[in-house]
Amino acid sequence: MRMTIGKRISVGFIVVVLITVALGVFIYSTLHSIAVSSTSVTTDSLPGIEYVLTLSGLQRQNVVNLLFHLQSTDPAETSQIETAMSTIAGIIPGR
């Protein structure tokens, strides 16, 4: 069987089209998997990270309040600091 130039060009073109289709399918499936992973991160992980950062900030504020409370000699100031600490403790869920 002889391959003429026209048949060679046709076969080459078909091979290139098949390779392009295969790469397209692979890239589409990869992008779908990336989309699923990014959705998982934004719906599962980010709210937890935000919650942890909020708790960390509240805890740091309570440590600062505790240090001011330990240094305070004025009963009015001590009462004000205790009120602030109670407010922060009320914000923290699970307490």
Protein backbone atom coordinates (compact mmCIF):
# COMPACT_ATOMS: atom_id res chain seq x y z
CA MET A 1 0.00 0.00 0.00
CA ARG A 2 1.37 3.31 -1.04
CA MET A 3 0.85 6.46 0.99
CA THR A 4 0.43 9.42 -1.24
CA ILE A 5 1.24 12.91 -0.04
CA GLY A 6 -2.46 13.69 0.38
CA LYS A 7 -3.00 10.60 2.57
CA ARG A 8 0.07 11.43 4.68
CA ILE A 9 -1.16 14.97 5.24
CA SER A 10 -4.65 13.69 6.13
CA VAL A 11 -3.28 11.12 8.59
CA GLY A 12 -1.00 13.74 10.14
CA PHE A 13 -3.89 16.16 10.49
CA ILE A 14 -6.10 13.49 12.10
CA VAL A 15 -3.33 12.59 14.57
CA VAL A 16 -2.88 16.24 15.52
CA VAL A 17 -6.65 16.67 16.00
CA LEU A 18 -6.82 13.52 18.19
CA ILE A 19 -3.91 14.73 20.33
CA THR A 20 -5.62 18.11 20.70
CA VAL A 21 -8.91 16.48 21.73
CA ALA A 22 -7.11 14.24 24.25
CA LEU A 23 -5.32 17.22 25.79
CA GLY A 24 -8.60 19.17 25.90
CA VAL A 25 -10.35 16.37 27.78
CA PHE A 26 -7.43 16.08 30.21
CA ILE A 27 -7.32 19.82 30.86
CA TYR A 28 -11.11 20.00 31.30
CA SER A 29 -11.05 17.22 33.90
CA THR A 30 -8.12 18.86 35.69
CA LEU A 31 -9.88 22.23 35.79
CA HIS A 32 -13.03 20.57 37.13
CA SER A 33 -11.02 18.95 39.93
CA ILE A 34 -9.40 22.32 40.75
CA ALA A 35 -12.83 23.96 40.86
CA VAL A 36 -14.12 21.30 43.27
CA SER A 37 -11.06 21.74 45.50
CA SER A 38 -11.33 25.53 45.55
CA THR A 39 -15.02 25.30 46.43
CA SER A 40 -14.14 22.96 49.26
CA VAL A 41 -11.54 25.38 50.58
CA THR A 42 -13.86 28.38 50.45
CA THR A 43 -16.84 26.62 52.04
CA ASP A 44 -15.07 24.40 54.59
CA SER A 45 -11.70 25.87 55.52
CA LEU A 46 -12.06 29.64 55.33
CA PRO A 47 -14.93 29.96 57.84
CA GLY A 48 -12.89 27.91 60.31
CA ILE A 49 -9.83 30.06 59.77
CA GLU A 50 -11.89 33.21 60.28
CA TYR A 51 -13.32 31.75 63.51
CA VAL A 52 -9.85 30.83 64.80
CA LEU A 53 -8.47 34.28 64.01
CA THR A 54 -11.40 35.92 65.79
CA LEU A 55 -10.84 33.76 68.87
CA SER A 56 -7.13 34.52 68.77
CA GLY A 57 -7.81 38.26 68.71
CA LEU A 58 -10.27 38.00 71.59
CA GLN A 59 -7.80 35.92 73.59
CA ARG A 60 -5.05 38.47 73.02
CA GLN A 61 -7.34 41.28 74.12
CA ASN A 62 -8.18 39.36 77.30
CA VAL A 63 -4.46 38.87 78.02
CA VAL A 64 -3.94 42.64 77.66
CA ASN A 65 -6.93 43.25 79.95
CA LEU A 66 -5.51 40.79 82.47
CA LEU A 67 -2.17 42.60 82.53
CA PHE A 68 -3.93 45.95 83.02
CA HIS A 69 -6.04 44.37 85.75
CA LEU A 70 -2.94 43.13 87.57
CA GLN A 71 -1.32 46.57 87.42
CA SER A 72 -4.43 48.51 88.36
CA THR A 73 -4.81 49.91 91.87
CA ASP A 74 -7.97 51.94 91.23
CA PRO A 75 -11.15 49.96 92.03
CA ALA A 76 -13.16 51.79 89.35
CA GLU A 77 -10.57 50.95 86.70
CA THR A 78 -10.42 47.34 87.92
CA SER A 79 -14.20 47.08 87.65
CA GLN A 80 -14.12 48.53 84.14
CA ILE A 81 -11.45 46.02 83.07
CA GLU A 82 -13.43 43.15 84.58
CA THR A 83 -16.51 44.27 82.66
CA ALA A 84 -14.49 44.34 79.42
CA MET A 85 -13.16 40.85 80.14
CA SER A 86 -16.68 39.57 80.85
CA THR A 87 -17.91 41.09 77.60
CA ILE A 88 -15.16 39.33 75.66
CA ALA A 89 -15.88 36.06 77.48
CA GLY A 90 -19.55 36.41 76.46
CA ILE A 91 -18.56 36.77 72.80
CA ILE A 92 -16.58 33.54 72.82
CA PRO A 93 -18.99 30.69 72.02
CA GLY A 94 -19.00 27.56 74.13
CA ARG A 95 -18.48 29.36 77.42
